[in-house]
């Protein structure tokens, strides 16, 4: 029996040892709300905006 969860997304607000480890999910999901500098900086480290749903 496979007990692996179907979704591997860590939701925003999930903490581990007091740190929000879901922050990246929130940044990707809400990237349109970030200013240009924030978007540029995330892009420099390889973070891409979430695909827009149609």
PDB file of N, CA and C in Angstrom:
ATOM      1  N   UNK A   1       0.838  -1.173   0.000  1.00  0.00           N
ATOM      2  CA  UNK A   1       0.000   0.000   0.000  1.00  0.00           C
ATOM      3  C   UNK A   1       0.892   1.248   0.000  1.00  0.00           C
ATOM      4  N   UNK A   2       0.591   2.204  -0.857  1.00  0.00           N
ATOM      5  CA  UNK A   2       1.365   3.429  -0.955  1.00  0.00           C
ATOM      6  C   UNK A   2       0.750   4.497  -0.062  1.00  0.00           C
ATOM      7  N   UNK A   3       1.503   4.988   0.909  1.00  0.00           N
ATOM      8  CA  UNK A   3       0.986   6.002   1.825  1.00  0.00           C
ATOM      9  C   UNK A   3       1.509   7.396   1.492  1.00  0.00           C
ATOM     10  N   UNK A   4       2.130   7.556   0.324  1.00  0.00           N
ATOM     11  CA  UNK A   4       2.653   8.852  -0.089  1.00  0.00           C
ATOM     12  C   UNK A   4       1.495   9.790  -0.409  1.00  0.00           C
ATOM     13  N   UNK A   5       1.503  11.012   0.168  1.00  0.00           N
ATOM     14  CA  UNK A   5       0.429  11.951  -0.147  1.00  0.00           C
ATOM     15  C   UNK A   5       0.437  12.320  -1.626  1.00  0.00           C
ATOM     16  N   UNK A   6      -0.747  12.577  -2.189  1.00  0.00           N
ATOM     17  CA  UNK A   6      -0.849  12.917  -3.603  1.00  0.00           C
ATOM     18  C   UNK A   6      -0.260  14.288  -3.887  1.00  0.00           C
ATOM     19  N   UNK A   7      -0.406  15.225  -2.971  1.00  0.00           N
ATOM     20  CA  UNK A   7       0.099  16.578  -3.168  1.00  0.00           C
ATOM     21  C   UNK A   7       1.379  16.772  -2.363  1.00  0.00           C
ATOM     22  N   UNK A   8       2.373  17.339  -3.004  1.00  0.00           N
ATOM     23  CA  UNK A   8       3.633  17.597  -2.319  1.00  0.00           C
ATOM     24  C   UNK A   8       3.821  19.093  -2.072  1.00  0.00           C
ATOM     25  N   UNK A   9       2.763  19.868  -2.227  1.00  0.00           N
ATOM     26  CA  UNK A   9       2.834  21.301  -2.009  1.00  0.00           C
ATOM     27  C   UNK A   9       2.799  21.596  -0.518  1.00  0.00           C
ATOM     28  N   UNK A  10       3.721  22.411  -0.077  1.00  0.00           N
ATOM     29  CA  UNK A  10       3.721  22.853   1.313  1.00  0.00           C
ATOM     30  C   UNK A  10       2.935  24.156   1.357  1.00  0.00           C
ATOM     31  N   UNK A  11       1.871  24.152   2.098  1.00  0.00           N
ATOM     32  CA  UNK A  11       0.985  25.305   2.152  1.00  0.00           C
ATOM     33  C   UNK A  11       1.609  26.449   2.949  1.00  0.00           C
ATOM     34  N   UNK A  12       1.304  27.705   2.547  1.00  0.00           N
ATOM     35  CA  UNK A  12       1.779  28.855   3.314  1.00  0.00           C
ATOM     36  C   UNK A  12       1.322  28.758   4.766  1.00  0.00           C
ATOM     37  N   UNK A  13       2.191  29.150   5.667  1.00  0.00           N
ATOM     38  CA  UNK A  13       1.870  29.109   7.085  1.00  0.00           C
ATOM     39  C   UNK A  13       2.330  27.846   7.786  1.00  0.00           C
ATOM     40  N   UNK A  14       2.759  26.836   7.025  1.00  0.00           N
ATOM     41  CA  UNK A  14       3.276  25.611   7.640  1.00  0.00           C
ATOM     42  C   UNK A  14       4.637  25.943   8.226  1.00  0.00           C
ATOM     43  N   UNK A  15       4.811  25.632   9.496  1.00  0.00           N
ATOM     44  CA  UNK A  15       6.082  25.962  10.148  1.00  0.00           C
ATOM     45  C   UNK A  15       6.829  24.709  10.561  1.00  0.00           C
ATOM     46  N   UNK A  16       8.126  24.851  10.628  1.00  0.00           N
ATOM     47  CA  UNK A  16       9.012  23.811  11.117  1.00  0.00           C
ATOM     48  C   UNK A  16      10.072  24.503  11.951  1.00  0.00           C
ATOM     49  N   UNK A  17      10.143  24.133  13.201  1.00  0.00           N
ATOM     50  CA  UNK A  17      11.072  24.767  14.150  1.00  0.00           C
ATOM     51  C   UNK A  17      10.894  26.281  14.179  1.00  0.00           C
ATOM     52  N   UNK A  18       9.652  26.717  14.047  1.00  0.00           N
ATOM     53  CA  UNK A  18       9.341  28.139  14.145  1.00  0.00           C
ATOM     54  C   UNK A  18       9.477  28.923  12.857  1.00  0.00           C
ATOM     55  N   UNK A  19       9.956  28.297  11.783  1.00  0.00           N
ATOM     56  CA  UNK A  19      10.111  28.992  10.505  1.00  0.00           C
ATOM     57  C   UNK A  19       8.975  28.628   9.562  1.00  0.00           C
ATOM     58  N   UNK A  20       8.455  29.636   8.851  1.00  0.00           N
ATOM     59  CA  UNK A  20       7.408  29.407   7.854  1.00  0.00           C
ATOM     60  C   UNK A  20       8.069  28.817   6.619  1.00  0.00           C
ATOM     61  N   UNK A  21       7.902  27.522   6.414  1.00  0.00           N
ATOM     62  CA  UNK A  21       8.525  26.873   5.263  1.00  0.00           C
ATOM     63  C   UNK A  21       7.617  26.894   4.041  1.00  0.00           C
ATOM     64  N   UNK A  22       6.407  27.409   4.190  1.00  0.00           N
ATOM     65  CA  UNK A  22       5.490  27.529   3.069  1.00  0.00           C
ATOM     66  C   UNK A  22       5.547  28.889   2.400  1.00  0.00           C
ATOM     67  N   UNK A  23       6.483  29.752   2.815  1.00  0.00           N
ATOM     68  CA  UNK A  23       6.543  31.121   2.276  1.00  0.00           C
ATOM     69  C   UNK A  23       6.771  31.134   0.771  1.00  0.00           C
ATOM     70  N   UNK A  24       7.552  30.196   0.264  1.00  0.00           N
ATOM     71  CA  UNK A  24       7.841  30.187  -1.165  1.00  0.00           C
ATOM     72  C   UNK A  24       6.582  29.895  -1.982  1.00  0.00           C
ATOM     73  N   UNK A  25       5.748  29.007  -1.470  1.00  0.00           N
ATOM     74  CA  UNK A  25       4.481  28.723  -2.150  1.00  0.00           C
ATOM     75  C   UNK A  25       3.660  29.991  -2.272  1.00  0.00           C
ATOM     76  N   UNK A  26       3.615  30.771  -1.204  1.00  0.00           N
ATOM     77  CA  UNK A  26       2.865  32.028  -1.206  1.00  0.00           C
ATOM     78  C   UNK A  26       3.481  33.015  -2.203  1.00  0.00           C
ATOM     79  N   UNK A  27       4.811  33.102  -2.279  1.00  0.00           N
ATOM     80  CA  UNK A  27       5.468  34.027  -3.193  1.00  0.00           C
ATOM     81  C   UNK A  27       5.174  33.668  -4.645  1.00  0.00           C
ATOM     82  N   UNK A  28       5.185  32.385  -4.940  1.00  0.00           N
ATOM     83  CA  UNK A  28       4.905  31.936  -6.306  1.00  0.00           C
ATOM     84  C   UNK A  28       3.445  32.206  -6.658  1.00  0.00           C
ATOM     85  N   UNK A  29       2.557  31.840  -5.759  1.00  0.00           N
ATOM     86  CA  UNK A  29       1.122  31.989  -6.009  1.00  0.00           C
ATOM     87  C   UNK A  29       0.729  33.458  -6.156  1.00  0.00           C
ATOM     88  N   UNK A  30       1.289  34.321  -5.328  1.00  0.00           N
ATOM     89  CA  UNK A  30       0.892  35.728  -5.295  1.00  0.00           C
ATOM     90  C   UNK A  30       1.899  36.644  -5.985  1.00  0.00           C
ATOM     91  N   UNK A  31       2.672  36.114  -6.916  1.00  0.00           N
ATOM     92  CA  UNK A  31       3.754  36.887  -7.525  1.00  0.00           C
ATOM     93  C   UNK A  31       3.265  38.152  -8.229  1.00  0.00           C
ATOM     94  N   UNK A  32       2.044  38.161  -8.740  1.00  0.00           N
ATOM     95  CA  UNK A  32       1.524  39.350  -9.423  1.00  0.00           C
ATOM     96  C   UNK A  32       1.347  40.521  -8.451  1.00  0.00           C
ATOM     97  N   UNK A  33       1.244  40.231  -7.163  1.00  0.00           N
ATOM     98  CA  UNK A  33       1.067  41.281  -6.164  1.00  0.00           C
ATOM     99  C   UNK A  33       2.400  41.851  -5.680  1.00  0.00           C
ATOM    100  N   UNK A  34       3.515  41.241  -6.074  1.00  0.00           N
ATOM    101  CA  UNK A  34       4.830  41.729  -5.667  1.00  0.00           C
ATOM    102  C   UNK A  34       5.245  42.888  -6.564  1.00  0.00           C
ATOM    103  N   UNK A  35       6.073  43.775  -6.024  1.00  0.00           N
ATOM    104  CA  UNK A  35       6.552  44.861  -6.880  1.00  0.00           C
ATOM    105  C   UNK A  35       7.643  44.330  -7.822  1.00  0.00           C
ATOM    106  N   UNK A  36       8.026  45.144  -8.784  1.00  0.00           N
ATOM    107  CA  UNK A  36       8.982  44.696  -9.806  1.00  0.00           C
ATOM    108  C   UNK A  36      10.307  44.249  -9.213  1.00  0.00           C
ATOM    109  N   UNK A  37      10.785  44.958  -8.202  1.00  0.00           N
ATOM    110  CA  UNK A  37      12.064  44.601  -7.569  1.00  0.00           C
ATOM    111  C   UNK A  37      11.967  43.228  -6.897  1.00  0.00           C
ATOM    112  N   UNK A  38      10.883  42.974  -6.197  1.00  0.00           N
ATOM    113  CA  UNK A  38      10.694  41.686  -5.541  1.00  0.00           C
ATOM    114  C   UNK A  38      10.624  40.559  -6.580  1.00  0.00           C
ATOM    115  N   UNK A  39       9.898  40.801  -7.665  1.00  0.00           N
ATOM    116  CA  UNK A  39       9.800  39.802  -8.730  1.00  0.00           C
ATOM    117  C   UNK A  39      11.165  39.549  -9.362  1.00  0.00           C
ATOM    118  N   UNK A  40      11.930  40.606  -9.577  1.00  0.00           N
ATOM    119  CA  UNK A  40      13.266  40.467 -10.164  1.00  0.00           C
ATOM    120  C   UNK A  40      14.171  39.637  -9.265  1.00  0.00           C
ATOM    121  N   UNK A  41      14.166  39.940  -7.968  1.00  0.00           N
ATOM    122  CA  UNK A  41      15.029  39.219  -7.023  1.00  0.00           C
ATOM    123  C   UNK A  41      14.671  37.742  -6.936  1.00  0.00           C
ATOM    124  N   UNK A  42      13.380  37.441  -6.910  1.00  0.00           N
ATOM    125  CA  UNK A  42      12.977  36.034  -6.886  1.00  0.00           C
ATOM    126  C   UNK A  42      13.386  35.343  -8.179  1.00  0.00           C
ATOM    127  N   UNK A  43      13.256  36.046  -9.306  1.00  0.00           N
ATOM    128  CA  UNK A  43      13.664  35.491 -10.593  1.00  0.00           C
ATOM    129  C   UNK A  43      15.148  35.171 -10.635  1.00  0.00           C
ATOM    130  N   UNK A  44      15.952  35.995  -9.976  1.00  0.00           N
ATOM    131  CA  UNK A  44      17.409  35.771  -9.946  1.00  0.00           C
ATOM    132  C   UNK A  44      17.781  34.466  -9.249  1.00  0.00           C
ATOM    133  N   UNK A  45      16.957  34.033  -8.297  1.00  0.00           N
ATOM    134  CA  UNK A  45      17.262  32.781  -7.600  1.00  0.00           C
ATOM    135  C   UNK A  45      16.438  31.615  -8.140  1.00  0.00           C
ATOM    136  N   UNK A  46      15.788  31.841  -9.309  1.00  0.00           N
ATOM    137  CA  UNK A  46      15.112  30.752  -9.986  1.00  0.00           C
ATOM    138  C   UNK A  46      13.645  30.552  -9.654  1.00  0.00           C
ATOM    139  N   UNK A  47      13.055  31.489  -8.909  1.00  0.00           N
ATOM    140  CA  UNK A  47      11.634  31.361  -8.571  1.00  0.00           C
ATOM    141  C   UNK A  47      10.812  31.950  -9.703  1.00  0.00           C
ATOM    142  N   UNK A  48       9.940  31.128 -10.262  1.00  0.00           N
ATOM    143  CA  UNK A  48       9.095  31.553 -11.378  1.00  0.00           C
ATOM    144  C   UNK A  48       7.662  31.721 -10.896  1.00  0.00           C
ATOM    145  N   UNK A  49       6.922  32.671 -11.469  1.00  0.00           N
ATOM    146  CA  UNK A  49       5.509  32.846 -11.082  1.00  0.00           C
ATOM    147  C   UNK A  49       4.700  31.597 -11.407  1.00  0.00           C
ATOM    148  N   UNK A  50       3.631  31.425 -10.676  1.00  0.00           N
ATOM    149  CA  UNK A  50       2.727  30.298 -10.935  1.00  0.00           C
ATOM    150  C   UNK A  50       2.045  30.509 -12.282  1.00  0.00           C
ATOM    151  N   UNK A  51       1.728  29.422 -12.963  1.00  0.00           N
ATOM    152  CA  UNK A  51       1.008  29.511 -14.228  1.00  0.00           C
ATOM    153  C   UNK A  51      -0.381  30.065 -13.957  1.00  0.00           C
ATOM    154  N   UNK A  52      -0.820  30.975 -14.797  1.00  0.00           N
ATOM    155  CA  UNK A  52      -2.143  31.574 -14.651  1.00  0.00           C
ATOM    156  C   UNK A  52      -3.197  30.586 -15.100  1.00  0.00           C
ATOM    157  N   UNK A  53      -4.215  30.384 -14.262  1.00  0.00           N
ATOM    158  CA  UNK A  53      -5.309  29.498 -14.660  1.00  0.00           C
ATOM    159  C   UNK A  53      -6.226  30.224 -15.620  1.00  0.00           C
ATOM    160  N   UNK A  54      -6.769  29.491 -16.582  1.00  0.00           N
ATOM    161  CA  UNK A  54      -7.598  30.133 -17.594  1.00  0.00           C
ATOM    162  C   UNK A  54      -9.052  29.966 -17.308  1.00  0.00           C
TER     163      UNK A  54
END
